[in-house]
Protein backbone atom coordinates (compact mmCIF):
# COMPACT_ATOMS: atom_id res chain seq x y z
CA UNK A 1 0.12 -0.05 -0.48
CA UNK A 2 1.55 3.55 -0.96
CA UNK A 3 0.18 5.95 0.69
CA UNK A 4 2.11 9.39 -0.03
CA UNK A 5 1.30 11.79 -2.57
CA UNK A 6 1.91 10.73 -6.59
CA UNK A 7 3.59 13.41 -8.91
CA UNK A 8 0.16 14.15 -10.95
CA UNK A 9 -1.87 14.51 -7.70
CA UNK A 10 0.39 17.69 -7.14
CA UNK A 11 0.25 18.36 -10.21
CA UNK A 12 -3.56 19.17 -9.99
CA UNK A 13 -2.96 20.09 -6.33
CA UNK A 14 -0.85 23.26 -6.70
CA UNK A 15 -1.96 26.94 -7.52
CA UNK A 16 -1.09 29.92 -8.70
CA UNK A 17 -1.20 30.51 -5.34
CA UNK A 18 0.57 27.63 -4.12
CA UNK A 19 4.18 28.68 -2.37
CA UNK A 20 5.94 25.68 -1.60
CA UNK A 21 5.35 22.07 -1.73
CA UNK A 22 6.46 19.92 1.60
CA UNK A 23 7.60 16.23 -0.28
CA UNK A 24 7.63 13.80 2.90
CA UNK A 25 8.06 9.99 2.82
CA UNK A 26 5.33 8.08 4.67
CA UNK A 27 5.43 4.62 7.21
CA UNK A 28 8.88 3.61 4.99
CA UNK A 29 7.48 4.56 1.53
CA UNK A 30 9.58 6.76 -0.60
CA UNK A 31 7.65 9.41 -2.35
CA UNK A 32 7.75 10.34 -5.92
CA UNK A 33 11.23 13.10 -5.06
CA UNK A 34 12.12 13.56 -8.40
CA UNK A 35 8.94 14.08 -10.01
CA UNK A 36 7.61 16.23 -7.68
CA UNK A 37 10.25 18.36 -7.56
CA UNK A 38 10.19 18.52 -11.37
CA UNK A 39 6.66 20.22 -11.39
CA UNK A 40 7.71 22.39 -8.20
CA UNK A 41 10.13 24.39 -10.82
CA UNK A 42 7.66 23.99 -13.71
CA UNK A 43 4.87 26.16 -11.38
CA UNK A 44 8.14 27.86 -9.25
CA UNK A 45 7.00 26.69 -6.20
CA UNK A 46 9.85 26.34 -3.42
CA UNK A 47 10.44 22.93 -2.38
CA UNK A 48 11.48 21.12 0.72
CA UNK A 49 11.75 17.88 1.38
CA UNK A 50 10.24 16.21 5.36
CA UNK A 51 13.11 13.50 5.84
CA UNK A 52 12.97 11.19 9.21
CA UNK A 53 15.47 11.45 11.87
């Protein structure tokens, strides 16, 4: 079961007022980091990856 948001979901969720995208890896699952960063670059938003301690 994959609980992380996909890059396609991020693409549809980003609006002109989106200021940042926070990438979080949940329950040992790895988010589509590179694809989400590509979305952030296309949308000209800030991206931040949250890594577990």
